[in-house]
């Protein structure tokens, strides 16, 4: 009888740790990703908008996947601008993939994806846009 109580207490104690573990990637009970703060989103938007290094622009777009575009309203317009105008096909396809990962539908983004799926000069970007749709 005492053994059963020890097991029950141990399980309750360990589950308490799971509830209060950090909520970053892989942590916590619900495995939620940590959202980006507004200052970091602004930095990433500036990189996508103005950095001459395509690898940095692509990395910034990938990091913007962790932003909440419903709260950080500058995310969708910069992704749409990158999809429509960036000179690098890898940056444009990353922007299409990022837009497609959001669970919320944004009309502006949907139109940009449709346009890219039909008319982008790169087959890779057209395929990424179709997949995102």
N, C-alpha and C. Protein backbone atom coordinates (compact mmCIF):
# COMPACT_ATOMS: atom_id res chain seq x y z
N UNK A 1 0.81 -1.19 0.00
CA UNK A 1 0.00 0.00 0.00
C UNK A 1 0.86 1.27 0.00
N UNK A 2 1.87 1.27 0.84
CA UNK A 2 2.76 2.43 0.87
C UNK A 2 3.50 2.56 -0.46
N UNK A 3 3.86 1.45 -1.06
CA UNK A 3 4.55 1.47 -2.35
C UNK A 3 3.70 2.14 -3.43
N UNK A 4 2.39 1.87 -3.45
CA UNK A 4 1.50 2.48 -4.43
C UNK A 4 1.43 3.99 -4.25
N UNK A 5 1.42 4.44 -3.00
CA UNK A 5 1.38 5.89 -2.75
C UNK A 5 2.66 6.56 -3.22
N UNK A 6 3.79 5.88 -3.02
CA UNK A 6 5.07 6.44 -3.47
C UNK A 6 5.09 6.58 -5.00
N UNK A 7 4.60 5.59 -5.67
CA UNK A 7 4.57 5.64 -7.14
C UNK A 7 3.65 6.77 -7.59
N UNK A 8 2.49 6.88 -6.97
CA UNK A 8 1.54 7.93 -7.33
C UNK A 8 2.15 9.31 -7.07
N UNK A 9 2.79 9.50 -5.92
CA UNK A 9 3.42 10.78 -5.61
C UNK A 9 4.56 11.09 -6.56
N UNK A 10 5.34 10.09 -6.91
CA UNK A 10 6.45 10.29 -7.84
C UNK A 10 5.93 10.72 -9.21
N UNK A 11 4.90 10.05 -9.69
CA UNK A 11 4.33 10.41 -10.98
C UNK A 11 3.74 11.81 -10.96
N UNK A 12 3.06 12.17 -9.89
CA UNK A 12 2.48 13.51 -9.77
C UNK A 12 3.58 14.55 -9.74
N UNK A 13 4.65 14.27 -9.01
CA UNK A 13 5.77 15.20 -8.90
C UNK A 13 6.43 15.40 -10.26
N UNK A 14 6.68 14.32 -11.00
CA UNK A 14 7.34 14.40 -12.31
C UNK A 14 6.45 15.10 -13.34
N UNK A 15 5.15 14.88 -13.29
CA UNK A 15 4.26 15.55 -14.24
C UNK A 15 4.22 17.04 -13.96
N UNK A 16 4.42 17.44 -12.71
CA UNK A 16 4.49 18.86 -12.38
C UNK A 16 5.67 19.52 -13.06
N UNK A 17 6.80 18.81 -13.16
CA UNK A 17 7.95 19.36 -13.87
C UNK A 17 7.64 19.53 -15.36
N UNK A 18 6.92 18.61 -15.92
CA UNK A 18 6.57 18.72 -17.34
C UNK A 18 5.70 19.94 -17.60
N UNK A 19 4.82 20.24 -16.68
CA UNK A 19 3.93 21.39 -16.87
C UNK A 19 4.68 22.71 -16.83
N UNK A 20 5.73 22.78 -16.01
CA UNK A 20 6.42 24.05 -15.82
C UNK A 20 7.75 24.12 -16.53
N UNK A 21 8.05 23.18 -17.38
CA UNK A 21 9.28 23.22 -18.16
C UNK A 21 9.19 24.37 -19.15
N UNK A 22 10.34 24.89 -19.60
CA UNK A 22 10.33 25.98 -20.57
C UNK A 22 9.52 25.62 -21.80
N UNK A 23 8.84 26.61 -22.36
CA UNK A 23 7.93 26.34 -23.49
C UNK A 23 8.61 26.52 -24.83
N UNK A 24 9.91 26.47 -24.90
CA UNK A 24 10.62 26.58 -26.17
C UNK A 24 10.41 25.32 -26.99
N UNK A 25 11.20 25.17 -28.04
CA UNK A 25 11.04 24.00 -28.89
C UNK A 25 11.31 22.74 -28.08
N UNK A 26 10.36 21.83 -28.09
CA UNK A 26 10.52 20.57 -27.43
C UNK A 26 10.30 20.59 -25.93
N UNK A 27 10.12 21.74 -25.33
CA UNK A 27 9.96 21.81 -23.89
C UNK A 27 8.51 21.96 -23.52
N UNK A 28 8.23 21.73 -22.26
CA UNK A 28 6.88 21.93 -21.75
C UNK A 28 5.94 20.82 -22.16
N UNK A 29 4.78 20.87 -21.59
CA UNK A 29 3.78 19.84 -21.82
C UNK A 29 3.20 19.89 -23.22
N UNK A 30 3.03 21.07 -23.77
CA UNK A 30 2.35 21.22 -25.05
C UNK A 30 3.29 21.42 -26.22
N UNK A 31 4.58 21.46 -26.00
CA UNK A 31 5.59 21.58 -27.06
C UNK A 31 5.34 22.77 -27.98
N UNK A 32 5.00 23.92 -27.39
CA UNK A 32 4.76 25.12 -28.19
C UNK A 32 6.09 25.77 -28.56
N UNK A 33 6.15 26.34 -29.73
CA UNK A 33 7.32 27.10 -30.14
C UNK A 33 7.25 28.49 -29.53
N UNK A 34 8.39 29.01 -29.19
CA UNK A 34 8.45 30.37 -28.67
C UNK A 34 8.27 31.33 -29.84
N UNK A 35 7.40 32.30 -29.68
CA UNK A 35 7.18 33.31 -30.71
C UNK A 35 8.26 34.38 -30.63
N UNK A 36 8.56 34.98 -31.76
CA UNK A 36 9.56 36.05 -31.80
C UNK A 36 9.00 37.33 -31.20
N UNK A 37 9.86 38.08 -30.53
CA UNK A 37 9.41 39.37 -30.01
C UNK A 37 9.45 40.42 -31.12
N UNK A 38 8.80 41.54 -30.89
CA UNK A 38 8.65 42.58 -31.91
C UNK A 38 9.98 43.16 -32.36
N UNK A 39 10.91 43.33 -31.45
CA UNK A 39 12.22 43.89 -31.82
C UNK A 39 12.95 42.96 -32.78
N UNK A 40 12.90 41.64 -32.52
CA UNK A 40 13.56 40.70 -33.40
C UNK A 40 12.87 40.65 -34.76
N UNK A 41 11.57 40.73 -34.78
CA UNK A 41 10.84 40.74 -36.05
C UNK A 41 11.25 41.95 -36.87
N UNK A 42 11.36 43.11 -36.25
CA UNK A 42 11.79 44.32 -36.98
C UNK A 42 13.19 44.14 -37.57
N UNK A 43 14.11 43.52 -36.81
CA UNK A 43 15.45 43.26 -37.33
C UNK A 43 15.39 42.35 -38.54
N UNK A 44 14.61 41.29 -38.45
CA UNK A 44 14.50 40.34 -39.55
C UNK A 44 13.87 40.98 -40.78
N UNK A 45 12.86 41.81 -40.57
CA UNK A 45 12.22 42.52 -41.68
C UNK A 45 13.24 43.42 -42.38
N UNK A 46 14.08 44.11 -41.60
CA UNK A 46 15.11 44.96 -42.19
C UNK A 46 16.12 44.15 -43.00
N UNK A 47 16.47 42.97 -42.51
CA UNK A 47 17.40 42.11 -43.25
C UNK A 47 16.78 41.69 -44.57
N UNK A 48 15.53 41.24 -44.54
CA UNK A 48 14.87 40.81 -45.78
C UNK A 48 14.75 41.97 -46.75
N UNK A 49 14.45 43.13 -46.25
CA UNK A 49 14.23 44.30 -47.09
C UNK A 49 15.53 44.83 -47.70
N UNK A 50 16.65 44.82 -46.95
CA UNK A 50 17.79 45.61 -47.40
C UNK A 50 19.13 44.90 -47.46
N UNK A 51 19.28 43.72 -46.89
CA UNK A 51 20.59 43.08 -46.87
C UNK A 51 20.95 42.58 -48.25
N UNK A 52 22.20 42.78 -48.64
CA UNK A 52 22.63 42.35 -49.98
C UNK A 52 22.97 40.86 -50.04
N UNK A 53 23.13 40.21 -48.91
CA UNK A 53 23.49 38.80 -48.86
C UNK A 53 22.23 37.93 -48.91
N UNK A 54 22.09 37.18 -49.98
CA UNK A 54 20.87 36.37 -50.13
C UNK A 54 20.76 35.30 -49.06
N UNK A 55 21.87 34.78 -48.56
CA UNK A 55 21.83 33.77 -47.49
C UNK A 55 21.25 34.37 -46.21
N UNK A 56 21.60 35.61 -45.92
CA UNK A 56 21.05 36.29 -44.73
C UNK A 56 19.56 36.56 -44.90
N UNK A 57 19.15 36.97 -46.12
CA UNK A 57 17.73 37.21 -46.37
C UNK A 57 16.93 35.91 -46.22
N UNK A 58 17.46 34.82 -46.76
CA UNK A 58 16.79 33.53 -46.66
C UNK A 58 16.71 33.07 -45.21
N UNK A 59 17.78 33.23 -44.45
CA UNK A 59 17.78 32.84 -43.03
C UNK A 59 16.78 33.69 -42.24
N UNK A 60 16.69 34.97 -42.57
CA UNK A 60 15.73 35.84 -41.89
C UNK A 60 14.30 35.40 -42.17
N UNK A 61 14.03 35.03 -43.40
CA UNK A 61 12.69 34.55 -43.76
C UNK A 61 12.37 33.27 -43.01
N UNK A 62 13.32 32.38 -42.92
CA UNK A 62 13.08 31.14 -42.17
C UNK A 62 12.80 31.41 -40.70
N UNK A 63 13.51 32.38 -40.14
CA UNK A 63 13.26 32.72 -38.73
C UNK A 63 11.90 33.38 -38.55
N UNK A 64 11.44 34.09 -39.58
CA UNK A 64 10.11 34.72 -39.49
C UNK A 64 8.99 33.68 -39.42
N UNK A 65 9.29 32.41 -39.70
CA UNK A 65 8.28 31.36 -39.52
C UNK A 65 7.78 31.31 -38.09
N UNK A 66 8.60 31.75 -37.13
CA UNK A 66 8.22 31.71 -35.72
C UNK A 66 7.46 32.96 -35.28
N UNK A 67 7.27 33.90 -36.18
CA UNK A 67 6.52 35.11 -35.85
C UNK A 67 5.03 34.84 -35.97
N UNK A 68 4.25 35.64 -35.27
CA UNK A 68 2.79 35.54 -35.37
C UNK A 68 2.31 36.70 -36.24
N UNK A 69 1.97 36.44 -37.50
CA UNK A 69 1.60 37.51 -38.41
C UNK A 69 0.30 38.21 -38.05
N UNK A 70 -0.49 37.62 -37.16
CA UNK A 70 -1.71 38.29 -36.70
C UNK A 70 -1.38 39.39 -35.71
N UNK A 71 -0.26 39.25 -35.02
CA UNK A 71 0.17 40.24 -34.04
C UNK A 71 1.22 41.16 -34.64
N UNK A 72 2.16 40.60 -35.36
CA UNK A 72 3.26 41.36 -35.96
C UNK A 72 2.93 41.57 -37.44
N UNK A 73 2.20 42.65 -37.67
CA UNK A 73 1.58 42.87 -38.97
C UNK A 73 2.57 43.15 -40.09
N UNK A 74 3.81 43.40 -39.79
CA UNK A 74 4.79 43.67 -40.83
C UNK A 74 5.32 42.40 -41.49
N UNK A 75 5.00 41.24 -40.95
CA UNK A 75 5.55 39.98 -41.46
C UNK A 75 5.01 39.64 -42.85
N UNK A 76 3.69 39.62 -43.02
CA UNK A 76 3.12 39.23 -44.32
C UNK A 76 3.54 40.19 -45.43
N UNK A 77 3.47 41.51 -45.24
CA UNK A 77 3.91 42.39 -46.33
C UNK A 77 5.36 42.19 -46.76
N UNK A 78 6.27 41.91 -45.80
CA UNK A 78 7.67 41.72 -46.21
C UNK A 78 7.84 40.38 -46.92
N UNK A 79 7.10 39.36 -46.50
CA UNK A 79 7.18 38.07 -47.20
C UNK A 79 6.61 38.18 -48.61
N UNK A 80 5.52 38.91 -48.75
CA UNK A 80 4.92 39.13 -50.07
C UNK A 80 5.89 39.91 -50.96
N UNK A 81 6.51 40.95 -50.41
CA UNK A 81 7.48 41.74 -51.18
C UNK A 81 8.66 40.88 -51.61
N UNK A 82 9.14 40.02 -50.71
CA UNK A 82 10.25 39.13 -51.07
C UNK A 82 9.83 38.14 -52.15
N UNK A 83 8.63 37.61 -52.04
CA UNK A 83 8.13 36.66 -53.03
C UNK A 83 7.98 37.31 -54.40
N UNK A 84 7.52 38.54 -54.42
CA UNK A 84 7.28 39.22 -55.70
C UNK A 84 8.53 39.84 -56.32
N UNK A 85 9.46 40.33 -55.49
CA UNK A 85 10.51 41.21 -56.03
C UNK A 85 11.95 40.78 -55.78
N UNK A 86 12.20 39.83 -54.91
CA UNK A 86 13.60 39.52 -54.60
C UNK A 86 14.29 38.95 -55.82
N UNK A 87 15.55 39.29 -55.99
CA UNK A 87 16.30 38.84 -57.15
C UNK A 87 16.71 37.36 -57.05
N UNK A 88 16.74 36.82 -55.85
CA UNK A 88 17.18 35.44 -55.63
C UNK A 88 16.00 34.47 -55.64
N UNK A 89 16.10 33.43 -56.45
CA UNK A 89 15.02 32.45 -56.47
C UNK A 89 14.94 31.67 -55.16
N UNK A 90 16.05 31.48 -54.46
CA UNK A 90 15.99 30.78 -53.17
C UNK A 90 15.27 31.62 -52.12
N UNK A 91 15.45 32.93 -52.17
CA UNK A 91 14.74 33.81 -51.24
C UNK A 91 13.26 33.83 -51.58
N UNK A 92 12.93 33.91 -52.87
CA UNK A 92 11.51 33.92 -53.27
C UNK A 92 10.83 32.61 -52.89
N UNK A 93 11.50 31.47 -53.11
CA UNK A 93 10.87 30.19 -52.76
C UNK A 93 10.76 30.05 -51.23
N UNK A 94 11.72 30.57 -50.47
CA UNK A 94 11.63 30.55 -49.00
C UNK A 94 10.45 31.40 -48.53
N UNK A 95 10.23 32.53 -49.19
CA UNK A 95 9.10 33.39 -48.83
C UNK A 95 7.78 32.66 -49.10
N UNK A 96 7.69 31.96 -50.23
CA UNK A 96 6.48 31.20 -50.54
C UNK A 96 6.25 30.11 -49.49
N UNK A 97 7.30 29.39 -49.13
CA UNK A 97 7.19 28.34 -48.12
C UNK A 97 6.76 28.92 -46.77
N UNK A 98 7.33 30.06 -46.40
CA UNK A 98 6.99 30.70 -45.11
C UNK A 98 5.52 31.10 -45.09
N UNK A 99 5.04 31.68 -46.16
CA UNK A 99 3.63 32.07 -46.23
C UNK A 99 2.74 30.84 -46.10
N UNK A 100 3.12 29.75 -46.75
CA UNK A 100 2.34 28.53 -46.71
C UNK A 100 2.31 27.85 -45.35
N UNK A 101 3.26 28.15 -44.50
CA UNK A 101 3.30 27.52 -43.17
C UNK A 101 2.33 28.14 -42.18
N UNK A 102 1.90 29.36 -42.44
CA UNK A 102 0.98 30.00 -41.49
C UNK A 102 -0.39 29.37 -41.61
N UNK A 103 -1.04 29.19 -40.48
CA UNK A 103 -2.34 28.54 -40.47
C UNK A 103 -3.48 29.52 -40.78
N UNK A 104 -3.17 30.80 -40.81
CA UNK A 104 -4.17 31.83 -41.10
C UNK A 104 -4.01 32.24 -42.57
N UNK A 105 -5.12 32.43 -43.26
CA UNK A 105 -5.09 32.84 -44.66
C UNK A 105 -5.12 34.36 -44.74
N UNK A 106 -4.17 34.92 -45.49
CA UNK A 106 -4.09 36.36 -45.71
C UNK A 106 -4.33 36.61 -47.20
N UNK A 107 -5.36 37.36 -47.56
CA UNK A 107 -5.68 37.57 -48.98
C UNK A 107 -4.50 38.09 -49.81
N UNK A 108 -3.76 39.06 -49.27
CA UNK A 108 -2.61 39.62 -49.98
C UNK A 108 -1.58 38.53 -50.28
N UNK A 109 -1.33 37.68 -49.31
CA UNK A 109 -0.37 36.60 -49.48
C UNK A 109 -0.89 35.55 -50.47
N UNK A 110 -2.18 35.25 -50.40
CA UNK A 110 -2.76 34.30 -51.33
C UNK A 110 -2.65 34.75 -52.77
N UNK A 111 -2.90 36.03 -53.01
CA UNK A 111 -2.76 36.57 -54.37
C UNK A 111 -1.32 36.50 -54.85
N UNK A 112 -0.38 36.81 -53.96
CA UNK A 112 1.04 36.75 -54.34
C UNK A 112 1.44 35.32 -54.66
N UNK A 113 0.95 34.36 -53.88
CA UNK A 113 1.25 32.96 -54.16
C UNK A 113 0.66 32.51 -55.49
N UNK A 114 -0.58 32.91 -55.77
CA UNK A 114 -1.19 32.57 -57.05
C UNK A 114 -0.41 33.15 -58.22
N UNK A 115 -0.02 34.41 -58.09
CA UNK A 115 0.79 35.05 -59.15
C UNK A 115 2.11 34.32 -59.35
N UNK A 116 2.79 34.00 -58.24
CA UNK A 116 4.08 33.32 -58.34
C UNK A 116 3.93 31.92 -58.91
N UNK A 117 2.86 31.22 -58.54
CA UNK A 117 2.63 29.86 -59.04
C UNK A 117 2.45 29.84 -60.55
N UNK A 118 1.95 30.94 -61.10
CA UNK A 118 1.70 31.01 -62.53
C UNK A 118 2.84 31.66 -63.30
N UNK A 119 3.37 32.76 -62.75
CA UNK A 119 4.21 33.62 -63.57
C UNK A 119 5.66 33.80 -63.13
N UNK A 120 6.10 33.23 -62.03
CA UNK A 120 7.49 33.44 -61.64
C UNK A 120 8.41 32.83 -62.67
N UNK A 121 9.54 33.48 -62.90
CA UNK A 121 10.47 33.01 -63.93
C UNK A 121 11.20 31.73 -63.51
N UNK A 122 11.15 31.36 -62.24
CA UNK A 122 11.83 30.17 -61.74
C UNK A 122 10.84 29.04 -61.50
N UNK A 123 11.15 27.87 -62.03
CA UNK A 123 10.31 26.70 -61.81
C UNK A 123 10.29 26.31 -60.34
N UNK A 124 11.40 26.53 -59.64
CA UNK A 124 11.48 26.22 -58.20
C UNK A 124 10.50 27.09 -57.42
N UNK A 125 10.44 28.37 -57.74
CA UNK A 125 9.54 29.29 -57.05
C UNK A 125 8.09 28.95 -57.40
N UNK A 126 7.82 28.64 -58.66
CA UNK A 126 6.46 28.28 -59.05
C UNK A 126 6.00 27.05 -58.28
N UNK A 127 6.89 26.07 -58.13
CA UNK A 127 6.54 24.85 -57.39
C UNK A 127 6.33 25.13 -55.90
N UNK A 128 7.18 25.96 -55.32
CA UNK A 128 7.03 26.32 -53.90
C UNK A 128 5.71 27.07 -53.67
N UNK A 129 5.36 27.94 -54.58
CA UNK A 129 4.11 28.70 -54.46
C UNK A 129 2.90 27.77 -54.59
N UNK A 130 2.95 26.84 -55.52
CA UNK A 130 1.84 25.88 -55.68
C UNK A 130 1.71 25.03 -54.42
N UNK A 131 2.82 24.60 -53.86
CA UNK A 131 2.80 23.79 -52.64
C UNK A 131 2.23 24.60 -51.48
N UNK A 132 2.58 25.87 -51.40
CA UNK A 132 2.09 26.73 -50.31
C UNK A 132 0.60 26.96 -50.42
N UNK A 133 0.09 27.00 -51.63
CA UNK A 133 -1.34 27.21 -51.83
C UNK A 133 -2.12 25.99 -51.34
